[in-house]
């Protein structure tokens, strides 16, 4: 299998970003993700998501020293926002972040909802703001 992988990598090339060949989208080592191609399996999607979550958890913990002092649900909100917005845009939520740092989750939720992000994604932002306010997931678990 190792020789096969080596030769396929040599023939196909390895790209860490999506690319097109003959108008069809590929990723990695020749994986056709276009309609009619292999796409990604559920397991591969889960694997990528797990890696992304760990990446964003690290980024958020490094960017905001007070992150670890919040409960898990509120940490998850911050990670979900970073996942959606990217860390540079998340940093723009200065008032919401300052309220989080101060432990004023009611104010943080208000500030989250008073944003372009909230107007663009009203359902998602309402759920995350409520989670920030209460420290609970929508199912009532914390």
N, C-alpha and C. Protein backbone atom coordinates (compact mmCIF):
# COMPACT_ATOMS: atom_id res chain seq x y z
N UNK A 1 0.82 -1.20 0.00
CA UNK A 1 0.00 0.00 0.00
C UNK A 1 0.87 1.26 0.00
N UNK A 2 2.01 1.24 0.70
CA UNK A 2 2.88 2.42 0.76
C UNK A 2 3.42 2.79 -0.61
N UNK A 3 3.82 1.79 -1.40
CA UNK A 3 4.33 2.08 -2.74
C UNK A 3 3.22 2.66 -3.62
N UNK A 4 2.02 2.11 -3.49
CA UNK A 4 0.88 2.60 -4.24
C UNK A 4 0.59 4.06 -3.88
N UNK A 5 0.56 4.37 -2.58
CA UNK A 5 0.33 5.74 -2.13
C UNK A 5 1.40 6.69 -2.67
N UNK A 6 2.66 6.24 -2.62
CA UNK A 6 3.77 7.06 -3.08
C UNK A 6 3.62 7.37 -4.56
N UNK A 7 3.31 6.38 -5.36
CA UNK A 7 3.20 6.59 -6.79
C UNK A 7 1.98 7.44 -7.14
N UNK A 8 0.85 7.19 -6.47
CA UNK A 8 -0.33 8.03 -6.72
C UNK A 8 -0.04 9.49 -6.36
N UNK A 9 0.67 9.71 -5.27
CA UNK A 9 1.03 11.06 -4.87
C UNK A 9 1.93 11.71 -5.93
N UNK A 10 2.89 10.94 -6.45
CA UNK A 10 3.77 11.46 -7.50
C UNK A 10 2.98 11.81 -8.75
N UNK A 11 2.05 10.94 -9.14
CA UNK A 11 1.29 11.15 -10.37
C UNK A 11 0.23 12.24 -10.23
N UNK A 12 -0.47 12.25 -9.12
CA UNK A 12 -1.57 13.19 -8.93
C UNK A 12 -1.12 14.53 -8.38
N UNK A 13 -0.04 14.51 -7.62
CA UNK A 13 0.37 15.71 -6.89
C UNK A 13 -0.43 15.82 -5.61
N UNK A 14 0.08 16.59 -4.69
CA UNK A 14 -0.60 16.78 -3.41
C UNK A 14 -0.84 18.27 -3.21
N UNK A 15 -2.10 18.60 -3.02
CA UNK A 15 -2.45 20.01 -2.80
C UNK A 15 -3.33 20.08 -1.55
N UNK A 16 -2.99 21.00 -0.69
CA UNK A 16 -3.72 21.15 0.57
C UNK A 16 -4.93 22.08 0.44
N UNK A 17 -5.16 22.58 -0.76
CA UNK A 17 -6.30 23.46 -1.02
C UNK A 17 -7.06 22.91 -2.22
N UNK A 18 -8.31 23.28 -2.32
CA UNK A 18 -9.11 22.86 -3.46
C UNK A 18 -8.50 23.40 -4.75
N UNK A 19 -8.58 22.61 -5.80
CA UNK A 19 -8.05 23.01 -7.10
C UNK A 19 -8.92 22.42 -8.19
N UNK A 20 -8.81 22.99 -9.39
CA UNK A 20 -9.63 22.50 -10.50
C UNK A 20 -8.75 21.88 -11.58
N UNK A 21 -9.26 20.79 -12.13
CA UNK A 21 -8.67 20.17 -13.32
C UNK A 21 -9.84 19.91 -14.27
N UNK A 22 -9.71 20.44 -15.47
CA UNK A 22 -10.77 20.30 -16.47
C UNK A 22 -12.13 20.72 -15.92
N UNK A 23 -12.13 21.78 -15.12
CA UNK A 23 -13.37 22.32 -14.58
C UNK A 23 -13.97 21.54 -13.42
N UNK A 24 -13.28 20.50 -12.96
CA UNK A 24 -13.78 19.71 -11.83
C UNK A 24 -12.92 19.99 -10.59
N UNK A 25 -13.58 20.13 -9.45
CA UNK A 25 -12.90 20.44 -8.20
C UNK A 25 -12.31 19.19 -7.56
N UNK A 26 -11.10 19.34 -7.07
CA UNK A 26 -10.37 18.27 -6.39
C UNK A 26 -9.76 18.83 -5.11
N UNK A 27 -9.34 17.92 -4.24
CA UNK A 27 -8.63 18.30 -3.02
C UNK A 27 -7.68 17.17 -2.65
N UNK A 28 -6.62 17.52 -1.96
CA UNK A 28 -5.68 16.50 -1.48
C UNK A 28 -4.90 15.89 -2.62
N UNK A 29 -4.99 14.59 -2.75
CA UNK A 29 -4.26 13.84 -3.78
C UNK A 29 -5.28 13.28 -4.76
N UNK A 30 -5.75 14.15 -5.66
CA UNK A 30 -6.64 13.73 -6.73
C UNK A 30 -8.07 13.43 -6.33
N UNK A 31 -8.50 13.78 -5.13
CA UNK A 31 -9.88 13.48 -4.71
C UNK A 31 -10.84 14.41 -5.42
N UNK A 32 -11.68 13.84 -6.27
CA UNK A 32 -12.70 14.60 -7.00
C UNK A 32 -13.86 14.85 -6.04
N UNK A 33 -14.09 16.11 -5.73
CA UNK A 33 -15.19 16.46 -4.82
C UNK A 33 -16.35 17.12 -5.57
N UNK A 34 -16.24 17.13 -6.90
CA UNK A 34 -17.30 17.70 -7.72
C UNK A 34 -18.51 16.76 -7.74
N UNK A 35 -19.62 17.27 -8.20
CA UNK A 35 -20.80 16.43 -8.40
C UNK A 35 -20.40 15.27 -9.32
N UNK A 36 -20.71 14.07 -8.93
CA UNK A 36 -20.33 12.90 -9.71
C UNK A 36 -19.00 12.31 -9.27
N UNK A 37 -18.25 13.06 -8.44
CA UNK A 37 -17.00 12.55 -7.91
C UNK A 37 -17.23 11.83 -6.60
N UNK A 38 -16.15 11.46 -5.95
CA UNK A 38 -16.27 10.76 -4.67
C UNK A 38 -16.79 11.65 -3.56
N UNK A 39 -16.49 12.94 -3.63
CA UNK A 39 -16.87 13.82 -2.54
C UNK A 39 -16.15 13.41 -1.28
N UNK A 40 -16.78 13.60 -0.13
CA UNK A 40 -16.23 13.21 1.16
C UNK A 40 -17.22 12.31 1.87
N UNK A 41 -16.72 11.28 2.52
CA UNK A 41 -17.60 10.41 3.31
C UNK A 41 -17.98 11.11 4.60
N UNK A 42 -18.97 10.61 5.29
CA UNK A 42 -19.36 11.16 6.59
C UNK A 42 -18.19 11.11 7.56
N UNK A 43 -17.44 10.01 7.52
CA UNK A 43 -16.29 9.86 8.42
C UNK A 43 -15.23 10.91 8.11
N UNK A 44 -15.00 11.18 6.83
CA UNK A 44 -14.02 12.19 6.46
C UNK A 44 -14.49 13.58 6.88
N UNK A 45 -15.76 13.87 6.72
CA UNK A 45 -16.31 15.16 7.18
C UNK A 45 -16.13 15.31 8.68
N UNK A 46 -16.41 14.25 9.44
CA UNK A 46 -16.25 14.28 10.89
C UNK A 46 -14.79 14.49 11.27
N UNK A 47 -13.89 13.81 10.57
CA UNK A 47 -12.45 13.94 10.83
C UNK A 47 -11.99 15.39 10.60
N UNK A 48 -12.42 15.97 9.49
CA UNK A 48 -12.06 17.36 9.21
C UNK A 48 -12.64 18.30 10.26
N UNK A 49 -13.88 18.07 10.65
CA UNK A 49 -14.50 18.92 11.66
C UNK A 49 -13.77 18.80 12.99
N UNK A 50 -13.43 17.59 13.40
CA UNK A 50 -12.67 17.41 14.65
C UNK A 50 -11.37 18.21 14.61
N UNK A 51 -10.66 18.14 13.49
CA UNK A 51 -9.41 18.88 13.36
C UNK A 51 -9.64 20.38 13.42
N UNK A 52 -10.70 20.85 12.76
CA UNK A 52 -11.01 22.28 12.76
C UNK A 52 -11.39 22.76 14.16
N UNK A 53 -12.15 21.97 14.88
CA UNK A 53 -12.55 22.36 16.24
C UNK A 53 -11.32 22.52 17.12
N UNK A 54 -10.42 21.56 17.07
CA UNK A 54 -9.19 21.64 17.88
C UNK A 54 -8.39 22.88 17.49
N UNK A 55 -8.28 23.15 16.20
CA UNK A 55 -7.56 24.33 15.72
C UNK A 55 -8.17 25.61 16.29
N UNK A 56 -9.50 25.74 16.19
CA UNK A 56 -10.15 26.96 16.68
C UNK A 56 -10.11 27.06 18.19
N UNK A 57 -10.18 25.94 18.89
CA UNK A 57 -10.07 25.98 20.35
C UNK A 57 -8.70 26.55 20.74
N UNK A 58 -7.66 26.09 20.08
CA UNK A 58 -6.31 26.60 20.35
C UNK A 58 -6.19 28.08 20.02
N UNK A 59 -6.71 28.45 18.84
CA UNK A 59 -6.63 29.85 18.43
C UNK A 59 -7.34 30.76 19.43
N UNK A 60 -8.54 30.39 19.82
CA UNK A 60 -9.32 31.22 20.74
C UNK A 60 -8.66 31.27 22.11
N UNK A 61 -8.16 30.14 22.59
CA UNK A 61 -7.48 30.12 23.90
C UNK A 61 -6.23 30.99 23.87
N UNK A 62 -5.51 30.99 22.75
CA UNK A 62 -4.32 31.84 22.64
C UNK A 62 -4.66 33.31 22.50
N UNK A 63 -5.75 33.61 21.83
CA UNK A 63 -6.14 35.00 21.58
C UNK A 63 -6.76 35.66 22.80
N UNK A 64 -7.47 34.88 23.62
CA UNK A 64 -8.20 35.45 24.75
C UNK A 64 -7.81 34.70 26.02
N UNK A 65 -6.91 35.24 26.81
CA UNK A 65 -6.41 34.53 28.00
C UNK A 65 -7.51 34.14 28.99
N UNK A 66 -8.61 34.85 28.99
CA UNK A 66 -9.71 34.58 29.91
C UNK A 66 -10.63 33.46 29.40
N UNK A 67 -10.39 32.96 28.21
CA UNK A 67 -11.22 31.90 27.62
C UNK A 67 -11.36 30.70 28.57
N UNK A 68 -10.26 30.27 29.16
CA UNK A 68 -10.28 29.09 30.02
C UNK A 68 -11.04 29.30 31.32
N UNK A 69 -11.32 30.55 31.67
CA UNK A 69 -12.09 30.81 32.90
C UNK A 69 -13.60 30.72 32.67
N UNK A 70 -14.02 30.63 31.41
CA UNK A 70 -15.44 30.51 31.12
C UNK A 70 -15.86 29.05 31.20
N UNK A 71 -17.16 28.82 31.41
CA UNK A 71 -17.66 27.44 31.41
C UNK A 71 -17.62 26.90 29.99
N UNK A 72 -17.76 25.59 29.86
CA UNK A 72 -17.60 24.91 28.57
C UNK A 72 -18.59 25.40 27.51
N UNK A 73 -19.83 25.64 27.90
CA UNK A 73 -20.82 26.09 26.92
C UNK A 73 -20.43 27.43 26.33
N UNK A 74 -20.00 28.36 27.16
CA UNK A 74 -19.61 29.68 26.66
C UNK A 74 -18.32 29.60 25.85
N UNK A 75 -17.42 28.72 26.25
CA UNK A 75 -16.23 28.48 25.42
C UNK A 75 -16.65 27.98 24.05
N UNK A 76 -17.62 27.07 24.02
CA UNK A 76 -18.11 26.53 22.75
C UNK A 76 -18.70 27.63 21.87
N UNK A 77 -19.39 28.59 22.48
CA UNK A 77 -19.95 29.70 21.71
C UNK A 77 -18.82 30.47 21.03
N UNK A 78 -17.78 30.76 21.77
CA UNK A 78 -16.66 31.50 21.20
C UNK A 78 -15.99 30.71 20.07
N UNK A 79 -15.85 29.42 20.25
CA UNK A 79 -15.27 28.57 19.20
C UNK A 79 -16.19 28.56 17.97
N UNK A 80 -17.49 28.46 18.17
CA UNK A 80 -18.42 28.47 17.04
C UNK A 80 -18.38 29.79 16.29
N UNK A 81 -18.23 30.89 17.03
CA UNK A 81 -18.13 32.19 16.37
C UNK A 81 -16.82 32.28 15.58
N UNK A 82 -15.72 31.80 16.15
CA UNK A 82 -14.45 31.81 15.44
C UNK A 82 -14.53 30.94 14.19
N UNK A 83 -15.17 29.81 14.30
CA UNK A 83 -15.35 28.89 13.17
C UNK A 83 -16.10 29.60 12.05
N UNK A 84 -17.15 30.32 12.40
CA UNK A 84 -18.00 30.99 11.42
C UNK A 84 -17.35 32.25 10.86
N UNK A 85 -16.76 33.05 11.72
CA UNK A 85 -16.26 34.36 11.33
C UNK A 85 -14.78 34.39 11.00
N UNK A 86 -14.02 33.49 11.58
CA UNK A 86 -12.57 33.58 11.55
C UNK A 86 -12.13 34.47 12.70
N UNK A 87 -10.94 34.23 13.21
CA UNK A 87 -10.46 34.98 14.37
C UNK A 87 -10.34 36.48 14.11
N UNK A 88 -9.85 36.93 12.94
CA UNK A 88 -9.76 38.37 12.72
C UNK A 88 -11.11 39.09 12.85
N UNK A 89 -12.16 38.53 12.27
CA UNK A 89 -13.48 39.17 12.38
C UNK A 89 -14.05 39.03 13.79
N UNK A 90 -13.79 37.91 14.44
CA UNK A 90 -14.25 37.74 15.82
C UNK A 90 -13.66 38.82 16.72
N UNK A 91 -12.39 39.15 16.51
CA UNK A 91 -11.74 40.19 17.31
C UNK A 91 -12.46 41.54 17.19
N UNK A 92 -13.23 41.72 16.13
CA UNK A 92 -13.98 42.96 15.94
C UNK A 92 -15.15 43.11 16.89
N UNK A 93 -15.51 42.07 17.60
CA UNK A 93 -16.62 42.11 18.57
C UNK A 93 -16.09 42.64 19.91
N UNK A 94 -15.49 43.80 19.88
CA UNK A 94 -14.78 44.34 21.04
C UNK A 94 -15.65 44.44 22.29
N UNK A 95 -16.86 44.97 22.16
CA UNK A 95 -17.73 45.13 23.33
C UNK A 95 -18.22 43.79 23.86
N UNK A 96 -18.57 42.89 22.97
CA UNK A 96 -19.01 41.55 23.39
C UNK A 96 -17.87 40.82 24.08
N UNK A 97 -16.67 40.90 23.52
CA UNK A 97 -15.51 40.23 24.11
C UNK A 97 -15.14 40.83 25.46
N UNK A 98 -15.21 42.16 25.57
CA UNK A 98 -14.92 42.81 26.85
C UNK A 98 -15.92 42.37 27.91
N UNK A 99 -17.19 42.24 27.52
CA UNK A 99 -18.21 41.78 28.47
C UNK A 99 -17.95 40.33 28.87
N UNK A 100 -17.53 39.49 27.92
CA UNK A 100 -17.19 38.10 28.25
C UNK A 100 -16.06 38.07 29.25
N UNK A 101 -15.03 38.86 28.98
CA UNK A 101 -13.87 38.89 29.87
C UNK A 101 -14.27 39.31 31.28
N UNK A 102 -15.23 40.22 31.37
CA UNK A 102 -15.71 40.70 32.67
C UNK A 102 -16.72 39.75 33.31
N UNK A 103 -17.13 38.73 32.58
CA UNK A 103 -18.11 37.78 33.11
C UNK A 103 -19.54 38.29 33.01
N UNK A 104 -19.75 39.36 32.24
CA UNK A 104 -21.10 39.92 32.06
C UNK A 104 -21.70 39.31 30.79
N UNK A 105 -22.24 38.13 30.95
CA UNK A 105 -22.72 37.38 29.79
C UNK A 105 -24.02 37.92 29.22
N UNK A 106 -24.79 38.58 30.06
CA UNK A 106 -26.02 39.25 29.59
C UNK A 106 -25.64 40.34 28.59
N UNK A 107 -24.67 41.16 28.94
CA UNK A 107 -24.22 42.24 28.06
C UNK A 107 -23.53 41.68 26.82
N UNK A 108 -22.76 40.64 27.00
CA UNK A 108 -22.09 40.02 25.87
C UNK A 108 -23.12 39.54 24.85
N UNK A 109 -24.18 38.90 25.32
CA UNK A 109 -25.24 38.43 24.42
C UNK A 109 -25.88 39.61 23.70
N UNK A 110 -26.14 40.70 24.42
CA UNK A 110 -26.72 41.90 23.78
C UNK A 110 -25.81 42.41 22.67
N UNK A 111 -24.53 42.47 22.96
CA UNK A 111 -23.57 42.98 21.98
C UNK A 111 -23.46 42.04 20.77
N UNK A 112 -23.52 40.75 21.00
CA UNK A 112 -23.49 39.79 19.90
C UNK A 112 -24.66 40.04 18.94
N UNK A 113 -25.81 40.33 19.52
CA UNK A 113 -27.01 40.53 18.70
C UNK A 113 -27.03 41.89 18.01
N UNK A 114 -26.23 42.83 18.52
CA UNK A 114 -26.15 44.17 17.93
C UNK A 114 -24.97 44.21 16.95
N UNK A 115 -25.09 43.42 15.87
CA UNK A 115 -23.96 43.30 14.94
C UNK A 115 -24.47 42.96 13.54
N UNK A 116 -23.63 43.24 12.56
CA UNK A 116 -23.92 42.85 11.19
C UNK A 116 -24.06 41.34 11.10
N UNK A 117 -23.19 40.62 11.80
CA UNK A 117 -23.24 39.16 11.83
C UNK A 117 -24.63 38.67 12.24
N UNK A 118 -25.19 39.30 13.27
CA UNK A 118 -26.51 38.91 13.75
C UNK A 118 -27.60 39.21 12.71
N UNK A 119 -27.45 40.32 12.02
CA UNK A 119 -28.43 40.65 10.98
C UNK A 119 -28.31 39.69 9.79
N UNK A 120 -27.10 39.22 9.52
CA UNK A 120 -26.90 38.29 8.41
C UNK A 120 -27.32 36.86 8.76
N UNK A 121 -27.12 36.48 10.01
CA UNK A 121 -27.44 35.12 10.47
C UNK A 121 -28.31 35.21 11.72
N UNK A 122 -29.54 35.68 11.59
CA UNK A 122 -30.37 35.93 12.78
C UNK A 122 -30.66 34.69 13.62
N UNK A 123 -30.92 33.56 12.99
CA UNK A 123 -31.24 32.36 13.78
C UNK A 123 -30.01 31.86 14.53
N UNK A 124 -28.91 31.75 13.81
CA UNK A 124 -27.68 31.25 14.42
C UNK A 124 -27.22 32.18 15.54
N UNK A 125 -27.21 33.48 15.28
CA UNK A 125 -26.74 34.42 16.30
C UNK A 125 -27.66 34.44 17.52
N UNK A 126 -28.96 34.29 17.31
CA UNK A 126 -29.90 34.26 18.44
C UNK A 126 -29.62 33.05 19.33
N UNK A 127 -29.36 31.90 18.72
CA UNK A 127 -29.06 30.69 19.49
C UNK A 127 -27.76 30.87 20.28
N UNK A 128 -26.72 31.37 19.60
CA UNK A 128 -25.43 31.52 20.28
C UNK A 128 -25.49 32.59 21.37
N UNK A 129 -26.22 33.68 21.12
CA UNK A 129 -26.35 34.72 22.14
C UNK A 129 -27.08 34.18 23.37
N UNK A 130 -28.10 33.38 23.15
CA UNK A 130 -28.83 32.79 24.28
C UNK A 130 -27.94 31.81 25.05
N UNK A 131 -27.13 31.06 24.34
CA UNK A 131 -26.18 30.16 25.00
C UNK A 131 -25.18 30.96 25.83
N UNK A 132 -24.72 32.09 25.29
CA UNK A 132 -23.79 32.94 26.04
C UNK A 132 -24.48 33.49 27.28
N UNK A 133 -25.71 33.92 27.12
CA UNK A 133 -26.45 34.52 28.24
C UNK A 133 -26.69 33.50 29.36
N UNK A 134 -27.11 32.29 28.99
CA UNK A 134 -27.53 31.31 30.00
C UNK A 134 -26.45 30.31 30.40
N UNK A 135 -25.47 30.09 29.53
CA UNK A 135 -24.48 29.05 29.79
C UNK A 135 -25.02 27.66 29.52
N UNK A 136 -26.11 27.58 28.75
CA UNK A 136 -26.73 26.29 28.45
C UNK A 136 -26.93 26.14 26.94
N UNK A 137 -26.83 24.89 26.49
CA UNK A 137 -27.19 24.57 25.11
C UNK A 137 -28.70 24.66 24.97
N UNK A 138 -29.22 24.75 23.75
CA UNK A 138 -30.68 24.83 23.57
C UNK A 138 -31.46 23.69 24.19
N UNK A 139 -30.83 22.53 24.36
CA UNK A 139 -31.54 21.40 24.98
C UNK A 139 -31.53 21.48 26.51
N UNK A 140 -30.98 22.56 27.06
CA UNK A 140 -30.99 22.75 28.50
C UNK A 140 -29.78 22.18 29.22
N UNK A 141 -28.85 21.59 28.48
CA UNK A 141 -27.64 21.05 29.13
C UNK A 141 -26.54 22.11 29.14
N UNK A 142 -25.70 21.99 30.15
CA UNK A 142 -24.58 22.94 30.23
C UNK A 142 -23.26 22.22 30.14
